[in-house]
Amino acid sequence: MRVRDFMSSPVVAIGPDRPICEAAQLMLDHRVSGLPVVDAGGRLVGIVSERDLLRRRSNGDPPRRPHWLQLMTERNALEQEPERFHTLTVGDVMTTDLVTVGENTPLEEAGRLLESRRIKRLPVVRGQRVVGVISRADLLRALPRALGKAEAASKHDPAMTDERLIELERQYWLQRTRGPK
């Protein structure tokens, strides 16, 4: 299975010069938790996530609690938010240390990257252009197909017992979490 078979496409993207309130609205409208950030030429320059939008850029002091929690519990924290959401741009808060995959990347490799990097989505690129996004939710969509293949294998091999199938699945998931040997 390849990334192209399960990636979300077409991609909803945003420019780095757009206000973060526009990014937040796009995420809500399209029910996604992150957006690729592309320049005027359509090249990938970053990614902006819900976390990026909710994270408070500090003055150097460690936060007492997460910024989103402060917004919900401290009245004075909300006073600066309307201005912040209209003056900060996506480029101010986006992540630029990107990990990407290509359309032909094996789905297993994309899953390992998501797990090892502790990220929720990977831009799928063709050259420098974003053609899709593969997320943890997309991997969940791939799971029934993988399980279907295991069931089909058991029907073709009458000696395949439930215990052997369980062991094969255990080895598969252990290999995914440990990475390649």
N, C-alpha and C. Protein backbone atom coordinates (compact mmCIF):
# COMPACT_ATOMS: atom_id res chain seq x y z
N MET A 1 0.85 -1.17 0.00
CA MET A 1 0.00 0.00 0.00
C MET A 1 0.90 1.24 0.00
N ARG A 2 0.49 2.22 -0.76
CA ARG A 2 1.26 3.45 -0.94
C ARG A 2 0.49 4.64 -0.39
N VAL A 3 1.22 5.69 -0.08
CA VAL A 3 0.63 6.91 0.45
C VAL A 3 -0.46 7.44 -0.48
N ARG A 4 -0.22 7.40 -1.80
CA ARG A 4 -1.17 7.94 -2.78
C ARG A 4 -2.55 7.30 -2.65
N ASP A 5 -2.60 6.06 -2.14
CA ASP A 5 -3.87 5.34 -2.05
C ASP A 5 -4.74 5.83 -0.89
N PHE A 6 -4.16 6.54 0.06
CA PHE A 6 -4.92 6.92 1.25
C PHE A 6 -4.80 8.40 1.62
N MET A 7 -3.95 9.16 0.93
CA MET A 7 -3.76 10.57 1.28
C MET A 7 -5.03 11.37 1.00
N SER A 8 -5.17 12.46 1.72
CA SER A 8 -6.26 13.39 1.48
C SER A 8 -5.83 14.34 0.37
N SER A 9 -6.66 14.48 -0.64
CA SER A 9 -6.36 15.35 -1.76
C SER A 9 -7.68 15.70 -2.43
N PRO A 10 -7.86 16.90 -2.95
CA PRO A 10 -6.92 18.01 -3.00
C PRO A 10 -6.69 18.62 -1.63
N VAL A 11 -5.64 19.39 -1.54
CA VAL A 11 -5.19 19.94 -0.28
C VAL A 11 -5.73 21.35 -0.08
N VAL A 12 -6.17 21.62 1.14
CA VAL A 12 -6.51 22.98 1.54
C VAL A 12 -5.22 23.56 2.12
N ALA A 13 -4.73 24.63 1.52
CA ALA A 13 -3.48 25.24 1.97
C ALA A 13 -3.70 26.72 2.23
N ILE A 14 -2.70 27.34 2.82
CA ILE A 14 -2.78 28.76 3.16
C ILE A 14 -1.41 29.39 2.94
N GLY A 15 -1.39 30.69 2.70
CA GLY A 15 -0.13 31.41 2.52
C GLY A 15 0.43 31.89 3.84
N PRO A 16 1.74 32.09 3.92
CA PRO A 16 2.36 32.51 5.18
C PRO A 16 2.00 33.93 5.59
N ASP A 17 1.50 34.73 4.67
CA ASP A 17 1.16 36.13 4.98
C ASP A 17 -0.27 36.29 5.50
N ARG A 18 -1.03 35.24 5.55
CA ARG A 18 -2.43 35.30 5.99
C ARG A 18 -2.52 35.36 7.51
N PRO A 19 -3.51 36.06 8.05
CA PRO A 19 -3.67 36.11 9.51
C PRO A 19 -4.04 34.74 10.08
N ILE A 20 -3.63 34.49 11.32
CA ILE A 20 -3.90 33.18 11.90
C ILE A 20 -5.39 32.93 12.10
N CYS A 21 -6.18 34.00 12.19
CA CYS A 21 -7.63 33.80 12.31
C CYS A 21 -8.18 33.17 11.05
N GLU A 22 -7.60 33.48 9.89
CA GLU A 22 -8.03 32.86 8.63
C GLU A 22 -7.66 31.38 8.61
N ALA A 23 -6.48 31.05 9.12
CA ALA A 23 -6.08 29.64 9.20
C ALA A 23 -7.03 28.88 10.11
N ALA A 24 -7.36 29.47 11.24
CA ALA A 24 -8.28 28.82 12.18
C ALA A 24 -9.63 28.57 11.52
N GLN A 25 -10.13 29.54 10.78
CA GLN A 25 -11.42 29.38 10.13
C GLN A 25 -11.38 28.31 9.04
N LEU A 26 -10.28 28.27 8.27
CA LEU A 26 -10.13 27.23 7.25
C LEU A 26 -10.13 25.84 7.88
N MET A 27 -9.43 25.70 9.00
CA MET A 27 -9.38 24.40 9.69
C MET A 27 -10.78 23.99 10.14
N LEU A 28 -11.51 24.94 10.69
CA LEU A 28 -12.87 24.63 11.15
C LEU A 28 -13.78 24.29 9.97
N ASP A 29 -13.71 25.08 8.91
CA ASP A 29 -14.57 24.86 7.74
C ASP A 29 -14.32 23.52 7.08
N HIS A 30 -13.05 23.09 7.03
CA HIS A 30 -12.69 21.86 6.33
C HIS A 30 -12.47 20.67 7.27
N ARG A 31 -12.70 20.91 8.56
CA ARG A 31 -12.58 19.86 9.58
C ARG A 31 -11.22 19.16 9.52
N VAL A 32 -10.17 19.98 9.50
CA VAL A 32 -8.80 19.47 9.54
C VAL A 32 -8.09 20.14 10.71
N SER A 33 -7.01 19.52 11.17
CA SER A 33 -6.29 20.06 12.32
C SER A 33 -4.96 20.69 11.94
N GLY A 34 -4.70 20.78 10.64
CA GLY A 34 -3.47 21.42 10.18
C GLY A 34 -3.55 21.72 8.70
N LEU A 35 -2.76 22.71 8.27
CA LEU A 35 -2.75 23.12 6.88
C LEU A 35 -1.33 23.25 6.37
N PRO A 36 -1.05 22.79 5.15
CA PRO A 36 0.24 23.11 4.54
C PRO A 36 0.29 24.61 4.27
N VAL A 37 1.46 25.18 4.39
CA VAL A 37 1.66 26.60 4.10
C VAL A 37 2.48 26.67 2.82
N VAL A 38 1.95 27.38 1.82
CA VAL A 38 2.62 27.47 0.53
C VAL A 38 2.87 28.93 0.17
N ASP A 39 3.98 29.17 -0.54
CA ASP A 39 4.29 30.53 -0.96
C ASP A 39 3.48 30.87 -2.22
N ALA A 40 3.70 32.07 -2.74
CA ALA A 40 2.94 32.54 -3.91
C ALA A 40 3.14 31.63 -5.12
N GLY A 41 4.27 30.94 -5.19
CA GLY A 41 4.53 30.02 -6.29
C GLY A 41 3.98 28.63 -6.05
N GLY A 42 3.32 28.41 -4.93
CA GLY A 42 2.74 27.11 -4.61
C GLY A 42 3.70 26.12 -3.98
N ARG A 43 4.89 26.58 -3.59
CA ARG A 43 5.89 25.70 -2.97
C ARG A 43 5.65 25.61 -1.46
N LEU A 44 5.83 24.42 -0.93
CA LEU A 44 5.65 24.18 0.50
C LEU A 44 6.73 24.91 1.30
N VAL A 45 6.29 25.72 2.27
CA VAL A 45 7.24 26.46 3.12
C VAL A 45 7.04 26.17 4.61
N GLY A 46 5.95 25.50 4.95
CA GLY A 46 5.69 25.21 6.35
C GLY A 46 4.40 24.46 6.52
N ILE A 47 4.04 24.27 7.76
CA ILE A 47 2.76 23.65 8.11
C ILE A 47 2.27 24.36 9.36
N VAL A 48 0.98 24.61 9.44
CA VAL A 48 0.41 25.26 10.62
C VAL A 48 -0.66 24.33 11.17
N SER A 49 -0.62 24.13 12.48
CA SER A 49 -1.54 23.20 13.13
C SER A 49 -2.36 23.93 14.19
N GLU A 50 -3.35 23.22 14.70
CA GLU A 50 -4.13 23.78 15.81
C GLU A 50 -3.20 24.16 16.96
N ARG A 51 -2.24 23.31 17.22
CA ARG A 51 -1.31 23.59 18.32
C ARG A 51 -0.55 24.89 18.08
N ASP A 52 -0.12 25.12 16.83
CA ASP A 52 0.59 26.36 16.52
C ASP A 52 -0.29 27.57 16.79
N LEU A 53 -1.57 27.46 16.48
CA LEU A 53 -2.49 28.58 16.68
C LEU A 53 -2.80 28.82 18.15
N LEU A 54 -2.81 27.76 18.94
CA LEU A 54 -3.15 27.88 20.36
C LEU A 54 -1.94 28.15 21.25
N ARG A 55 -0.75 27.90 20.73
CA ARG A 55 0.47 28.08 21.52
C ARG A 55 0.74 29.57 21.67
N ARG A 56 1.07 29.95 22.85
CA ARG A 56 1.38 31.35 23.16
C ARG A 56 2.84 31.60 22.92
N ARG A 57 3.17 32.60 22.15
CA ARG A 57 4.56 33.02 21.99
C ARG A 57 4.91 33.82 23.24
N SER A 58 5.86 33.31 24.01
CA SER A 58 6.13 33.90 25.32
C SER A 58 7.21 34.97 25.24
N ASN A 59 7.29 35.72 26.30
CA ASN A 59 8.33 36.75 26.43
C ASN A 59 9.56 36.17 27.11
N GLY A 60 9.70 34.86 27.09
CA GLY A 60 10.84 34.21 27.72
C GLY A 60 10.50 33.54 29.03
N ASP A 61 9.40 33.96 29.65
CA ASP A 61 8.97 33.33 30.90
C ASP A 61 8.30 32.00 30.58
N PRO A 62 8.57 30.97 31.37
CA PRO A 62 7.87 29.71 31.13
C PRO A 62 6.38 29.88 31.41
N PRO A 63 5.53 29.28 30.59
CA PRO A 63 4.09 29.41 30.83
C PRO A 63 3.69 28.68 32.11
N ARG A 64 2.74 29.27 32.81
CA ARG A 64 2.25 28.63 34.03
C ARG A 64 1.38 27.43 33.69
N ARG A 65 0.68 27.49 32.59
CA ARG A 65 -0.19 26.41 32.11
C ARG A 65 -0.35 26.59 30.60
N PRO A 66 -0.86 25.59 29.90
CA PRO A 66 -1.02 25.74 28.46
C PRO A 66 -1.85 26.98 28.12
N HIS A 67 -1.47 27.63 27.02
CA HIS A 67 -2.13 28.87 26.63
C HIS A 67 -3.63 28.69 26.41
N TRP A 68 -4.03 27.59 25.76
CA TRP A 68 -5.45 27.38 25.51
C TRP A 68 -6.23 27.28 26.81
N LEU A 69 -5.60 26.72 27.85
CA LEU A 69 -6.26 26.61 29.14
C LEU A 69 -6.36 27.98 29.81
N GLN A 70 -5.31 28.76 29.65
CA GLN A 70 -5.35 30.13 30.17
C GLN A 70 -6.50 30.91 29.54
N LEU A 71 -6.69 30.74 28.22
CA LEU A 71 -7.76 31.46 27.53
C LEU A 71 -9.13 31.12 28.09
N MET A 72 -9.29 29.88 28.51
CA MET A 72 -10.60 29.46 29.01
C MET A 72 -10.79 29.79 30.49
N THR A 73 -9.71 30.01 31.23
CA THR A 73 -9.86 30.17 32.67
C THR A 73 -9.47 31.55 33.21
N GLU A 74 -8.72 32.32 32.45
CA GLU A 74 -8.26 33.62 32.95
C GLU A 74 -8.81 34.74 32.08
N ARG A 75 -9.61 35.59 32.67
CA ARG A 75 -10.24 36.68 31.93
C ARG A 75 -9.22 37.58 31.24
N ASN A 76 -8.13 37.95 31.93
CA ASN A 76 -7.17 38.88 31.33
C ASN A 76 -6.41 38.25 30.17
N ALA A 77 -6.34 36.93 30.09
CA ALA A 77 -5.67 36.27 28.97
C ALA A 77 -6.44 36.50 27.68
N LEU A 78 -7.75 36.63 27.77
CA LEU A 78 -8.58 36.83 26.58
C LEU A 78 -8.50 38.26 26.04
N GLU A 79 -8.10 39.20 26.87
CA GLU A 79 -8.11 40.60 26.44
C GLU A 79 -7.23 40.87 25.24
N GLN A 80 -6.09 40.18 25.13
CA GLN A 80 -5.18 40.43 24.01
C GLN A 80 -5.45 39.52 22.82
N GLU A 81 -6.31 38.55 22.94
CA GLU A 81 -6.50 37.57 21.88
C GLU A 81 -7.08 38.13 20.59
N PRO A 82 -8.12 38.97 20.60
CA PRO A 82 -8.62 39.46 19.31
C PRO A 82 -7.52 40.13 18.48
N GLU A 83 -6.71 40.97 19.11
CA GLU A 83 -5.62 41.62 18.39
C GLU A 83 -4.60 40.60 17.91
N ARG A 84 -4.25 39.67 18.76
CA ARG A 84 -3.26 38.64 18.41
C ARG A 84 -3.72 37.84 17.20
N PHE A 85 -4.99 37.44 17.17
CA PHE A 85 -5.48 36.61 16.08
C PHE A 85 -5.61 37.37 14.77
N HIS A 86 -5.60 38.69 14.80
CA HIS A 86 -5.69 39.46 13.56
C HIS A 86 -4.35 40.06 13.15
N THR A 87 -3.38 40.13 14.06
CA THR A 87 -2.09 40.71 13.69
C THR A 87 -1.02 39.66 13.40
N LEU A 88 -1.05 38.54 14.10
CA LEU A 88 -0.07 37.49 13.82
C LEU A 88 -0.42 36.81 12.50
N THR A 89 0.61 36.47 11.73
CA THR A 89 0.38 35.77 10.47
C THR A 89 0.72 34.29 10.64
N VAL A 90 0.30 33.51 9.68
CA VAL A 90 0.62 32.09 9.66
C VAL A 90 2.13 31.91 9.69
N GLY A 91 2.85 32.76 8.97
CA GLY A 91 4.31 32.69 8.94
C GLY A 91 4.94 32.91 10.30
N ASP A 92 4.25 33.64 11.18
CA ASP A 92 4.76 33.90 12.53
C ASP A 92 4.70 32.66 13.42
N VAL A 93 3.75 31.77 13.16
CA VAL A 93 3.53 30.64 14.07
C VAL A 93 3.76 29.27 13.45
N MET A 94 3.91 29.20 12.13
CA MET A 94 4.01 27.89 11.45
C MET A 94 5.29 27.15 11.81
N THR A 95 5.26 25.86 11.58
CA THR A 95 6.42 25.00 11.75
C THR A 95 7.14 24.93 10.41
N THR A 96 8.45 25.17 10.43
CA THR A 96 9.22 25.15 9.18
C THR A 96 10.15 23.95 9.09
N ASP A 97 10.34 23.23 10.19
CA ASP A 97 11.16 22.02 10.18
C ASP A 97 10.27 20.88 9.69
N LEU A 98 10.19 20.73 8.37
CA LEU A 98 9.21 19.84 7.76
C LEU A 98 9.73 18.45 7.49
N VAL A 99 8.83 17.50 7.65
CA VAL A 99 9.05 16.13 7.23
C VAL A 99 7.99 15.88 6.17
N THR A 100 8.40 15.42 5.00
CA THR A 100 7.46 15.17 3.91
C THR A 100 7.65 13.77 3.37
N VAL A 101 6.68 13.33 2.60
CA VAL A 101 6.77 12.05 1.90
C VAL A 101 6.30 12.27 0.47
N GLY A 102 6.65 11.33 -0.40
CA GLY A 102 6.16 11.34 -1.78
C GLY A 102 4.96 10.44 -1.92
N GLU A 103 4.31 10.54 -3.06
CA GLU A 103 3.10 9.75 -3.32
C GLU A 103 3.38 8.25 -3.33
N ASN A 104 4.58 7.86 -3.72
CA ASN A 104 4.92 6.44 -3.83
C ASN A 104 5.55 5.87 -2.56
N THR A 105 5.64 6.68 -1.52
CA THR A 105 6.18 6.21 -0.25
C THR A 105 5.29 5.09 0.28
N PRO A 106 5.88 3.99 0.74
CA PRO A 106 5.06 2.94 1.35
C PRO A 106 4.31 3.49 2.57
N LEU A 107 3.08 3.08 2.71
CA LEU A 107 2.25 3.53 3.82
C LEU A 107 2.89 3.21 5.16
N GLU A 108 3.56 2.08 5.24
CA GLU A 108 4.23 1.68 6.47
C GLU A 108 5.31 2.70 6.87
N GLU A 109 6.06 3.19 5.89
CA GLU A 109 7.10 4.19 6.17
C GLU A 109 6.48 5.50 6.67
N ALA A 110 5.38 5.92 6.04
CA ALA A 110 4.69 7.13 6.50
C ALA A 110 4.21 6.95 7.94
N GLY A 111 3.68 5.77 8.25
CA GLY A 111 3.23 5.50 9.62
C GLY A 111 4.37 5.56 10.62
N ARG A 112 5.52 5.01 10.23
CA ARG A 112 6.70 5.07 11.12
C ARG A 112 7.13 6.52 11.37
N LEU A 113 7.10 7.34 10.31
CA LEU A 113 7.48 8.75 10.46
C LEU A 113 6.52 9.48 11.40
N LEU A 114 5.24 9.24 11.22
CA LEU A 114 4.25 9.88 12.10
C LEU A 114 4.50 9.48 13.55
N GLU A 115 4.76 8.21 13.75
CA GLU A 115 4.97 7.69 15.11
C GLU A 115 6.29 8.19 15.70
N SER A 116 7.37 8.04 14.97
CA SER A 116 8.69 8.39 15.52
C SER A 116 8.86 9.89 15.72
N ARG A 117 8.23 10.69 14.87
CA ARG A 117 8.34 12.15 15.00
C ARG A 117 7.24 12.74 15.88
N ARG A 118 6.30 11.89 16.26
CA ARG A 118 5.18 12.32 17.10
C ARG A 118 4.42 13.50 16.47
N ILE A 119 4.10 13.31 15.20
CA ILE A 119 3.33 14.31 14.48
C ILE A 119 2.04 13.69 13.97
N LYS A 120 1.11 14.54 13.57
CA LYS A 120 -0.21 14.05 13.19
C LYS A 120 -0.43 13.98 11.69
N ARG A 121 0.42 14.68 10.92
CA ARG A 121 0.22 14.72 9.48
C ARG A 121 1.53 14.94 8.75
N LEU A 122 1.60 14.44 7.53
CA LEU A 122 2.77 14.64 6.67
C LEU A 122 2.30 15.21 5.33
N PRO A 123 2.89 16.32 4.89
CA PRO A 123 2.58 16.78 3.54
C PRO A 123 3.13 15.77 2.53
N VAL A 124 2.35 15.52 1.50
CA VAL A 124 2.76 14.64 0.41
C VAL A 124 3.14 15.56 -0.75
N VAL A 125 4.39 15.45 -1.20
CA VAL A 125 4.88 16.38 -2.21
C VAL A 125 5.28 15.67 -3.49
N ARG A 126 5.15 16.41 -4.56
CA ARG A 126 5.67 16.03 -5.87
C ARG A 126 6.58 17.19 -6.25
N GLY A 127 7.89 16.96 -6.14
CA GLY A 127 8.83 18.08 -6.27
C GLY A 127 8.69 18.95 -5.03
N GLN A 128 8.39 20.22 -5.23
CA GLN A 128 8.17 21.12 -4.09
C GLN A 128 6.70 21.48 -3.92
N ARG A 129 5.84 20.85 -4.69
CA ARG A 129 4.41 21.14 -4.64
C ARG A 129 3.68 20.11 -3.78
N VAL A 130 2.76 20.60 -2.99
CA VAL A 130 1.96 19.73 -2.13
C VAL A 130 0.82 19.14 -2.98
N VAL A 131 0.73 17.81 -2.97
CA VAL A 131 -0.34 17.13 -3.72
C VAL A 131 -1.30 16.40 -2.79
N GLY A 132 -0.98 16.35 -1.51
CA GLY A 132 -1.85 15.68 -0.56
C GLY A 132 -1.29 15.79 0.84
N VAL A 133 -2.03 15.23 1.77
CA VAL A 133 -1.61 15.14 3.16
C VAL A 133 -1.97 13.74 3.63
N ILE A 134 -1.05 13.09 4.32
CA ILE A 134 -1.35 11.79 4.93
C ILE A 134 -1.34 12.00 6.44
N SER A 135 -2.41 11.61 7.08
CA SER A 135 -2.55 11.85 8.52
C SER A 135 -2.80 10.53 9.25
N ARG A 136 -2.81 10.62 10.56
CA ARG A 136 -3.12 9.42 11.34
C ARG A 136 -4.53 8.92 11.02
N ALA A 137 -5.46 9.83 10.74
CA ALA A 137 -6.82 9.43 10.38
C ALA A 137 -6.80 8.64 9.06
N ASP A 138 -5.94 9.05 8.13
CA ASP A 138 -5.83 8.31 6.86
C ASP A 138 -5.28 6.91 7.10
N LEU A 139 -4.36 6.77 8.05
CA LEU A 139 -3.84 5.44 8.38
C LEU A 139 -4.94 4.56 8.96
N LEU A 140 -5.84 5.16 9.73
CA LEU A 140 -6.97 4.38 10.25
C LEU A 140 -7.85 3.87 9.12
N ARG A 141 -7.99 4.68 8.06
CA ARG A 141 -8.77 4.23 6.90
C ARG A 141 -8.10 3.04 6.21
N ALA A 142 -6.77 2.96 6.30
CA ALA A 142 -6.03 1.86 5.66
C ALA A 142 -6.12 0.57 6.47
N LEU A 143 -6.39 0.68 7.76
CA LEU A 143 -6.39 -0.49 8.63
C LEU A 143 -7.37 -1.58 8.19
N PRO A 144 -8.62 -1.27 7.86
CA PRO A 144 -9.52 -2.36 7.42
C PRO A 144 -9.01 -3.10 6.19
N ARG A 145 -8.37 -2.38 5.30
CA ARG A 145 -7.82 -3.04 4.10
C ARG A 145 -6.72 -4.02 4.49
N ALA A 146 -5.85 -3.60 5.42
CA ALA A 146 -4.78 -4.48 5.88
C ALA A 146 -5.36 -5.69 6.60
N LEU A 147 -6.37 -5.46 7.42
CA LEU A 147 -7.00 -6.58 8.13
C LEU A 147 -7.70 -7.52 7.15
N GLY A 148 -8.28 -6.95 6.09
CA GLY A 148 -8.92 -7.77 5.06
C GLY A 148 -7.93 -8.69 4.39
N LYS A 149 -6.71 -8.20 4.17
CA LYS A 149 -5.67 -9.04 3.57
C LYS A 149 -5.30 -10.18 4.51
N ALA A 150 -5.25 -9.92 5.80
CA ALA A 150 -4.93 -10.97 6.77
C ALA A 150 -6.03 -12.02 6.78
N GLU A 151 -7.30 -11.58 6.71
CA GLU A 151 -8.41 -12.52 6.68
C GLU A 151 -8.38 -13.37 5.41
N ALA A 152 -8.07 -12.73 4.28
CA ALA A 152 -7.99 -13.46 3.02
C ALA A 152 -6.88 -14.51 3.07
N ALA A 153 -5.77 -14.16 3.69
CA ALA A 153 -4.65 -15.10 3.80
C ALA A 153 -5.06 -16.31 4.63
N SER A 154 -5.86 -16.08 5.66
CA SER A 154 -6.26 -17.20 6.51
C SER A 154 -7.22 -18.13 5.77
N LYS A 155 -8.02 -17.60 4.86
CA LYS A 155 -8.95 -18.44 4.09
C LYS A 155 -8.22 -19.27 3.06
N HIS A 156 -7.09 -18.75 2.55
CA HIS A 156 -6.31 -19.48 1.55
C HIS A 156 -5.39 -20.50 2.19
N ASP A 157 -5.16 -20.37 3.46
CA ASP A 157 -4.26 -21.28 4.16
C ASP A 157 -5.03 -21.90 5.32
N PRO A 158 -5.67 -23.06 5.09
CA PRO A 158 -6.49 -23.66 6.13
C PRO A 158 -5.72 -23.95 7.41
N ALA A 159 -4.40 -24.11 7.29
CA ALA A 159 -3.61 -24.39 8.49
C ALA A 159 -3.38 -23.12 9.31
N MET A 160 -3.76 -21.97 8.74
CA MET A 160 -3.55 -20.70 9.45
C MET A 160 -4.55 -20.63 10.61
N THR A 161 -4.08 -20.76 11.79
CA THR A 161 -4.95 -20.74 12.96
C THR A 161 -5.08 -19.33 13.49
N ASP A 162 -6.05 -19.13 14.34
CA ASP A 162 -6.21 -17.83 14.97
C ASP A 162 -4.94 -17.42 15.71
N GLU A 163 -4.31 -18.38 16.36
CA GLU A 163 -3.09 -18.06 17.11
C GLU A 163 -1.99 -17.56 16.19
N ARG A 164 -1.86 -18.19 15.01
CA ARG A 164 -0.83 -17.76 14.06
C ARG A 164 -1.15 -16.37 13.51
N LEU A 165 -2.43 -16.09 13.25
CA LEU A 165 -2.81 -14.75 12.78
C LEU A 165 -2.52 -13.69 13.84
N ILE A 166 -2.85 -14.01 15.07
CA ILE A 166 -2.58 -13.06 16.15
C ILE A 166 -1.09 -12.79 16.26
N GLU A 167 -0.29 -13.83 16.14
CA GLU A 167 1.16 -13.66 16.20
C GLU A 167 1.67 -12.83 15.03
N LEU A 168 1.15 -13.06 13.83
CA LEU A 168 1.56 -12.26 12.67
C LEU A 168 1.20 -10.79 12.86
N GLU A 169 -0.01 -10.50 13.34
CA GLU A 169 -0.41 -9.12 13.59
C GLU A 169 0.47 -8.49 14.67
N ARG A 170 0.78 -9.25 15.73
CA ARG A 170 1.63 -8.72 16.80
C ARG A 170 3.00 -8.36 16.25
N GLN A 171 3.56 -9.23 15.43
CA GLN A 171 4.88 -8.95 14.85
C GLN A 171 4.83 -7.73 13.94
N TYR A 172 3.75 -7.61 13.16
CA TYR A 172 3.60 -6.47 12.26
C TYR A 172 3.58 -5.17 13.04
N TRP A 173 2.76 -5.10 14.11
CA TRP A 173 2.65 -3.86 14.87
C TRP A 173 3.92 -3.60 15.68
N LEU A 174 4.57 -4.65 16.18
CA LEU A 174 5.83 -4.44 16.88
C LEU A 174 6.87 -3.86 15.94
N GLN A 175 6.92 -4.38 14.72
CA GLN A 175 7.88 -3.87 13.74
C GLN A 175 7.58 -2.41 13.44
N ARG A 176 6.33 -2.04 13.35
CA ARG A 176 5.94 -0.64 13.06
C ARG A 176 6.39 0.28 14.18
N THR A 177 6.24 -0.15 15.45
CA THR A 177 6.57 0.73 16.55
C THR A 177 8.06 0.80 16.81
N ARG A 178 8.78 -0.27 16.48
CA ARG A 178 10.23 -0.28 16.70
C ARG A 178 11.00 0.30 15.53
N GLY A 179 10.41 0.33 14.36
CA GLY A 179 11.10 0.80 13.17
C GLY A 179 11.88 -0.32 12.52
N PRO A 180 12.54 0.01 11.39
CA PRO A 180 13.25 -1.04 10.66
C PRO A 180 14.47 -1.52 11.43
N LYS A 181 14.83 -2.78 11.19
CA LYS A 181 15.99 -3.36 11.86
C LYS A 181 17.23 -3.10 11.05
